[in-house]
């Protein structure tokens, strides 16, 4: 009778196949790893650039805030307005500003896209309380704090510098902002 012998692959061929699979797997992991590390490096570099620009180049302050009780002196006739004087002391143009007007810690109105402010410039913004979002939330003569948040251009992208907020007044002390003299 003829007997069939079961034979496997030789140990030499098995070793070569294992080494081949290992090298192929290592090549795939290295290719993925290089792309991943390069994208992480670029992302970190962009984030760092934005943070450094906001920290070093954005320096502004709210000089004064007051209520103009005479509607004729405001841009919007018939409505009392909040006059906010802002000085840009930094060497970066502020593309726009976002204002947060607070009556209490719960009652906050927002006005976005205030006009640009050039480097080393000074501007007076007139804010109509009825134009805040949400509308008619803030009563004119009861504002206690104004916050301004700058938006700048970094490499062609608009960036909000959330760590560079300028404030006037204090909502915790609840001292109402005075009328203009």
C-alpha atoms as a PDB file:
ATOM      1  CA  UNK A   1       0.000   0.000   0.000  1.00  0.00           C
ATOM      2  CA  UNK A   2       1.090   3.457  -0.860  1.00  0.00           C
ATOM      3  CA  UNK A   3       1.261   5.774   2.128  1.00  0.00           C
ATOM      4  CA  UNK A   4       0.927   9.483   1.809  1.00  0.00           C
ATOM      5  CA  UNK A   5       3.169  11.439   4.028  1.00  0.00           C
ATOM      6  CA  UNK A   6       1.969  14.788   5.229  1.00  0.00           C
ATOM      7  CA  UNK A   7       4.675  17.301   4.842  1.00  0.00           C
ATOM      8  CA  UNK A   8       4.569  20.965   5.829  1.00  0.00           C
ATOM      9  CA  UNK A   9       6.718  23.765   4.600  1.00  0.00           C
ATOM     10  CA  UNK A  10      10.309  23.673   5.559  1.00  0.00           C
ATOM     11  CA  UNK A  11      11.485  25.712   8.551  1.00  0.00           C
ATOM     12  CA  UNK A  12      13.620  27.870   6.255  1.00  0.00           C
ATOM     13  CA  UNK A  13      10.673  28.908   4.097  1.00  0.00           C
ATOM     14  CA  UNK A  14       8.523  29.542   7.186  1.00  0.00           C
ATOM     15  CA  UNK A  15      11.199  31.832   8.640  1.00  0.00           C
ATOM     16  CA  UNK A  16      11.499  33.769   5.366  1.00  0.00           C
ATOM     17  CA  UNK A  17       7.704  34.241   5.207  1.00  0.00           C
ATOM     18  CA  UNK A  18       7.529  35.483   8.802  1.00  0.00           C
ATOM     19  CA  UNK A  19      10.343  37.953   8.189  1.00  0.00           C
ATOM     20  CA  UNK A  20       8.634  39.128   4.961  1.00  0.00           C
ATOM     21  CA  UNK A  21       5.309  39.724   6.703  1.00  0.00           C
ATOM     22  CA  UNK A  22       7.073  41.585   9.525  1.00  0.00           C
ATOM     23  CA  UNK A  23       8.936  43.867   7.117  1.00  0.00           C
ATOM     24  CA  UNK A  24       5.730  44.592   5.154  1.00  0.00           C
ATOM     25  CA  UNK A  25       3.817  45.392   8.353  1.00  0.00           C
ATOM     26  CA  UNK A  26       6.644  47.652   9.579  1.00  0.00           C
ATOM     27  CA  UNK A  27       6.622  49.542   6.259  1.00  0.00           C
ATOM     28  CA  UNK A  28       2.865  50.144   6.495  1.00  0.00           C
ATOM     29  CA  UNK A  29       3.122  51.371  10.097  1.00  0.00           C
ATOM     30  CA  UNK A  30       6.068  53.667   9.299  1.00  0.00           C
ATOM     31  CA  UNK A  31       4.265  55.222   6.333  1.00  0.00           C
ATOM     32  CA  UNK A  32       1.183  55.889   8.444  1.00  0.00           C
ATOM     33  CA  UNK A  33       3.297  57.156  11.349  1.00  0.00           C
ATOM     34  CA  UNK A  34       5.171  59.681   9.224  1.00  0.00           C
ATOM     35  CA  UNK A  35       1.942  61.176   7.862  1.00  0.00           C
ATOM     36  CA  UNK A  36       0.388  61.245  11.322  1.00  0.00           C
ATOM     37  CA  UNK A  37       3.388  62.903  12.969  1.00  0.00           C
ATOM     38  CA  UNK A  38       3.671  65.471  10.152  1.00  0.00           C
ATOM     39  CA  UNK A  39      -0.007  66.456  10.477  1.00  0.00           C
ATOM     40  CA  UNK A  40       0.333  66.701  14.270  1.00  0.00           C
ATOM     41  CA  UNK A  41       3.409  68.904  13.867  1.00  0.00           C
ATOM     42  CA  UNK A  42       1.615  71.248  11.444  1.00  0.00           C
ATOM     43  CA  UNK A  43      -1.468  71.459  13.657  1.00  0.00           C
ATOM     44  CA  UNK A  44       0.644  72.222  16.726  1.00  0.00           C
ATOM     45  CA  UNK A  45       2.649  74.823  14.817  1.00  0.00           C
ATOM     46  CA  UNK A  46      -0.519  76.627  13.657  1.00  0.00           C
ATOM     47  CA  UNK A  47      -2.035  76.588  17.139  1.00  0.00           C
ATOM     48  CA  UNK A  48       1.185  77.888  18.675  1.00  0.00           C
ATOM     49  CA  UNK A  49       1.447  80.642  16.068  1.00  0.00           C
ATOM     50  CA  UNK A  50      -2.106  81.800  16.796  1.00  0.00           C
ATOM     51  CA  UNK A  51      -1.566  81.748  20.567  1.00  0.00           C
ATOM     52  CA  UNK A  52       1.714  83.652  20.324  1.00  0.00           C
ATOM     53  CA  UNK A  53       0.176  86.262  18.036  1.00  0.00           C
ATOM     54  CA  UNK A  54      -2.773  86.738  20.387  1.00  0.00           C
ATOM     55  CA  UNK A  55      -0.513  86.944  23.446  1.00  0.00           C
ATOM     56  CA  UNK A  56       2.216  89.183  22.031  1.00  0.00           C
ATOM     57  CA  UNK A  57       0.615  91.367  19.366  1.00  0.00           C
ATOM     58  CA  UNK A  58      -2.946  91.922  20.643  1.00  0.00           C
ATOM     59  CA  UNK A  59      -2.885  94.562  23.361  1.00  0.00           C
ATOM     60  CA  UNK A  60      -5.933  96.748  23.678  1.00  0.00           C
ATOM     61  CA  UNK A  61      -7.975  98.289  26.439  1.00  0.00           C
ATOM     62  CA  UNK A  62     -11.397  99.771  27.028  1.00  0.00           C
ATOM     63  CA  UNK A  63     -10.652 103.357  28.047  1.00  0.00           C
ATOM     64  CA  UNK A  64     -14.175 104.404  28.918  1.00  0.00           C
ATOM     65  CA  UNK A  65     -17.788 103.303  28.719  1.00  0.00           C
ATOM     66  CA  UNK A  66     -20.749 105.597  29.286  1.00  0.00           C
ATOM     67  CA  UNK A  67     -24.423 105.991  28.399  1.00  0.00           C
ATOM     68  CA  UNK A  68     -25.380 108.796  26.071  1.00  0.00           C
ATOM     69  CA  UNK A  69     -28.694 109.850  27.483  1.00  0.00           C
ATOM     70  CA  UNK A  70     -29.413 112.279  24.638  1.00  0.00           C
ATOM     71  CA  UNK A  71     -30.543 110.174  21.662  1.00  0.00           C
ATOM     72  CA  UNK A  72     -29.623 113.003  19.275  1.00  0.00           C
ATOM     73  CA  UNK A  73     -25.934 112.345  20.064  1.00  0.00           C
ATOM     74  CA  UNK A  74     -26.178 108.685  19.023  1.00  0.00           C
ATOM     75  CA  UNK A  75     -25.892 107.176  15.583  1.00  0.00           C
ATOM     76  CA  UNK A  76     -29.362 105.669  15.898  1.00  0.00           C
ATOM     77  CA  UNK A  77     -31.784 108.557  16.368  1.00  0.00           C
ATOM     78  CA  UNK A  78     -34.291 108.220  19.181  1.00  0.00           C
ATOM     79  CA  UNK A  79     -32.388 105.480  21.040  1.00  0.00           C
ATOM     80  CA  UNK A  80     -29.991 105.987  23.934  1.00  0.00           C
ATOM     81  CA  UNK A  81     -26.653 104.373  23.151  1.00  0.00           C
ATOM     82  CA  UNK A  82     -23.675 102.980  24.954  1.00  0.00           C
ATOM     83  CA  UNK A  83     -20.424 104.717  23.970  1.00  0.00           C
ATOM     84  CA  UNK A  84     -17.345 102.519  24.261  1.00  0.00           C
ATOM     85  CA  UNK A  85     -13.882 104.063  23.814  1.00  0.00           C
ATOM     86  CA  UNK A  86     -11.249 101.491  22.829  1.00  0.00           C
ATOM     87  CA  UNK A  87      -7.487 101.954  22.396  1.00  0.00           C
ATOM     88  CA  UNK A  88      -5.392  99.441  20.465  1.00  0.00           C
ATOM     89  CA  UNK A  89      -1.921  99.530  22.024  1.00  0.00           C
ATOM     90  CA  UNK A  90      -0.621  96.520  20.095  1.00  0.00           C
ATOM     91  CA  UNK A  91       1.087  96.257  16.721  1.00  0.00           C
ATOM     92  CA  UNK A  92      -1.668  94.044  15.258  1.00  0.00           C
ATOM     93  CA  UNK A  93      -4.769  95.384  13.535  1.00  0.00           C
ATOM     94  CA  UNK A  94      -7.990  94.183  15.124  1.00  0.00           C
ATOM     95  CA  UNK A  95     -10.175  92.935  12.280  1.00  0.00           C
ATOM     96  CA  UNK A  96     -13.314  93.239  14.392  1.00  0.00           C
ATOM     97  CA  UNK A  97     -14.501  93.135  17.980  1.00  0.00           C
ATOM     98  CA  UNK A  98     -17.291  91.243  19.689  1.00  0.00           C
ATOM     99  CA  UNK A  99     -18.954  93.053  22.586  1.00  0.00           C
ATOM    100  CA  UNK A 100     -20.662  91.371  25.525  1.00  0.00           C
ATOM    101  CA  UNK A 101     -22.847  93.771  27.461  1.00  0.00           C
ATOM    102  CA  UNK A 102     -23.851  92.560  30.924  1.00  0.00           C
ATOM    103  CA  UNK A 103     -26.638  93.785  33.120  1.00  0.00           C
ATOM    104  CA  UNK A 104     -26.346  90.856  35.533  1.00  0.00           C
ATOM    105  CA  UNK A 105     -24.518  87.547  35.311  1.00  0.00           C
ATOM    106  CA  UNK A 106     -27.622  86.053  33.696  1.00  0.00           C
ATOM    107  CA  UNK A 107     -28.612  88.940  31.419  1.00  0.00           C
ATOM    108  CA  UNK A 108     -25.960  89.231  28.702  1.00  0.00           C
ATOM    109  CA  UNK A 109     -26.389  90.830  25.290  1.00  0.00           C
ATOM    110  CA  UNK A 110     -23.929  90.295  22.445  1.00  0.00           C
ATOM    111  CA  UNK A 111     -22.984  92.568  19.557  1.00  0.00           C
ATOM    112  CA  UNK A 112     -20.672  91.048  16.976  1.00  0.00           C
ATOM    113  CA  UNK A 113     -18.575  92.518  14.195  1.00  0.00           C
ATOM    114  CA  UNK A 114     -17.787  95.937  15.580  1.00  0.00           C
ATOM    115  CA  UNK A 115     -15.639  97.890  13.121  1.00  0.00           C
ATOM    116  CA  UNK A 116     -11.930  97.234  12.718  1.00  0.00           C
ATOM    117  CA  UNK A 117      -9.385  99.029  14.860  1.00  0.00           C
ATOM    118  CA  UNK A 118      -5.943  99.636  13.411  1.00  0.00           C
ATOM    119  CA  UNK A 119      -2.719  99.141  15.346  1.00  0.00           C
ATOM    120  CA  UNK A 120      -2.095 101.955  17.835  1.00  0.00           C
ATOM    121  CA  UNK A 121      -5.537 103.367  17.025  1.00  0.00           C
ATOM    122  CA  UNK A 122      -8.371 104.766  19.108  1.00  0.00           C
ATOM    123  CA  UNK A 123     -12.079 104.453  18.306  1.00  0.00           C
ATOM    124  CA  UNK A 124     -15.423 105.204  19.920  1.00  0.00           C
ATOM    125  CA  UNK A 125     -18.107 102.611  19.233  1.00  0.00           C
ATOM    126  CA  UNK A 126     -21.784 103.413  19.706  1.00  0.00           C
ATOM    127  CA  UNK A 127     -23.826 100.381  20.720  1.00  0.00           C
ATOM    128  CA  UNK A 128     -27.586 100.382  20.381  1.00  0.00           C
ATOM    129  CA  UNK A 129     -29.067  98.150  23.114  1.00  0.00           C
ATOM    130  CA  UNK A 130     -31.932  97.137  20.820  1.00  0.00           C
ATOM    131  CA  UNK A 131     -29.404  95.785  18.290  1.00  0.00           C
ATOM    132  CA  UNK A 132     -27.928  93.282  20.730  1.00  0.00           C
ATOM    133  CA  UNK A 133     -28.595  89.569  20.489  1.00  0.00           C
ATOM    134  CA  UNK A 134     -30.963  88.619  22.055  1.00  0.00           C
ATOM    135  CA  UNK A 135     -32.781  91.928  21.366  1.00  0.00           C
ATOM    136  CA  UNK A 136     -34.260  94.110  24.116  1.00  0.00           C
ATOM    137  CA  UNK A 137     -32.712  91.973  26.856  1.00  0.00           C
ATOM    138  CA  UNK A 138     -30.575  94.779  28.281  1.00  0.00           C
ATOM    139  CA  UNK A 139     -32.139  97.955  29.621  1.00  0.00           C
ATOM    140  CA  UNK A 140     -30.120 100.993  28.622  1.00  0.00           C
ATOM    141  CA  UNK A 141     -29.278 102.503  31.973  1.00  0.00           C
ATOM    142  CA  UNK A 142     -28.585  99.278  33.864  1.00  0.00           C
ATOM    143  CA  UNK A 143     -25.396  97.962  32.212  1.00  0.00           C
ATOM    144  CA  UNK A 144     -22.742  96.945  34.745  1.00  0.00           C
ATOM    145  CA  UNK A 145     -19.962  95.468  32.558  1.00  0.00           C
ATOM    146  CA  UNK A 146     -18.741  95.556  28.965  1.00  0.00           C
ATOM    147  CA  UNK A 147     -16.343  92.944  27.577  1.00  0.00           C
ATOM    148  CA  UNK A 148     -14.625  93.169  24.207  1.00  0.00           C
ATOM    149  CA  UNK A 149     -13.183  90.127  22.449  1.00  0.00           C
ATOM    150  CA  UNK A 150     -10.815  90.775  19.522  1.00  0.00           C
ATOM    151  CA  UNK A 151     -10.827  89.002  16.155  1.00  0.00           C
ATOM    152  CA  UNK A 152      -7.563  89.165  14.177  1.00  0.00           C
ATOM    153  CA  UNK A 153      -6.242  87.875  10.883  1.00  0.00           C
ATOM    154  CA  UNK A 154      -3.531  85.208  11.157  1.00  0.00           C
ATOM    155  CA  UNK A 155      -2.281  83.861   7.826  1.00  0.00           C
ATOM    156  CA  UNK A 156      -5.543  84.720   6.083  1.00  0.00           C
ATOM    157  CA  UNK A 157      -7.810  83.178   8.731  1.00  0.00           C
ATOM    158  CA  UNK A 158     -10.036  85.036  11.181  1.00  0.00           C
ATOM    159  CA  UNK A 159      -9.048  84.069  14.715  1.00  0.00           C
ATOM    160  CA  UNK A 160     -10.863  85.011  17.916  1.00  0.00           C
ATOM    161  CA  UNK A 161      -8.384  85.738  20.702  1.00  0.00           C
ATOM    162  CA  UNK A 162     -10.438  84.406  23.608  1.00  0.00           C
ATOM    163  CA  UNK A 163      -7.608  84.983  26.113  1.00  0.00           C
ATOM    164  CA  UNK A 164      -7.267  88.687  25.231  1.00  0.00           C
ATOM    165  CA  UNK A 165     -10.556  90.005  26.604  1.00  0.00           C
ATOM    166  CA  UNK A 166     -10.733  93.641  27.724  1.00  0.00           C
ATOM    167  CA  UNK A 167     -13.316  94.592  30.364  1.00  0.00           C
ATOM    168  CA  UNK A 168     -14.856  97.755  31.741  1.00  0.00           C
ATOM    169  CA  UNK A 169     -16.976  97.639  34.878  1.00  0.00           C
ATOM    170  CA  UNK A 170     -17.700  94.692  37.143  1.00  0.00           C
ATOM    171  CA  UNK A 171     -20.920  92.703  37.011  1.00  0.00           C
ATOM    172  CA  UNK A 172     -20.204  91.205  40.452  1.00  0.00           C
ATOM    173  CA  UNK A 173     -20.123  94.629  42.142  1.00  0.00           C
ATOM    174  CA  UNK A 174     -23.295  95.539  40.204  1.00  0.00           C
ATOM    175  CA  UNK A 175     -22.247  99.167  39.817  1.00  0.00           C
ATOM    176  CA  UNK A 176     -24.164 100.649  36.905  1.00  0.00           C
ATOM    177  CA  UNK A 177     -22.122 102.377  34.186  1.00  0.00           C
ATOM    178  CA  UNK A 178     -22.530 106.152  34.446  1.00  0.00           C
ATOM    179  CA  UNK A 179     -24.011 108.441  31.818  1.00  0.00           C
ATOM    180  CA  UNK A 180     -21.635 110.403  29.578  1.00  0.00           C
ATOM    181  CA  UNK A 181     -20.591 113.801  30.892  1.00  0.00           C
END
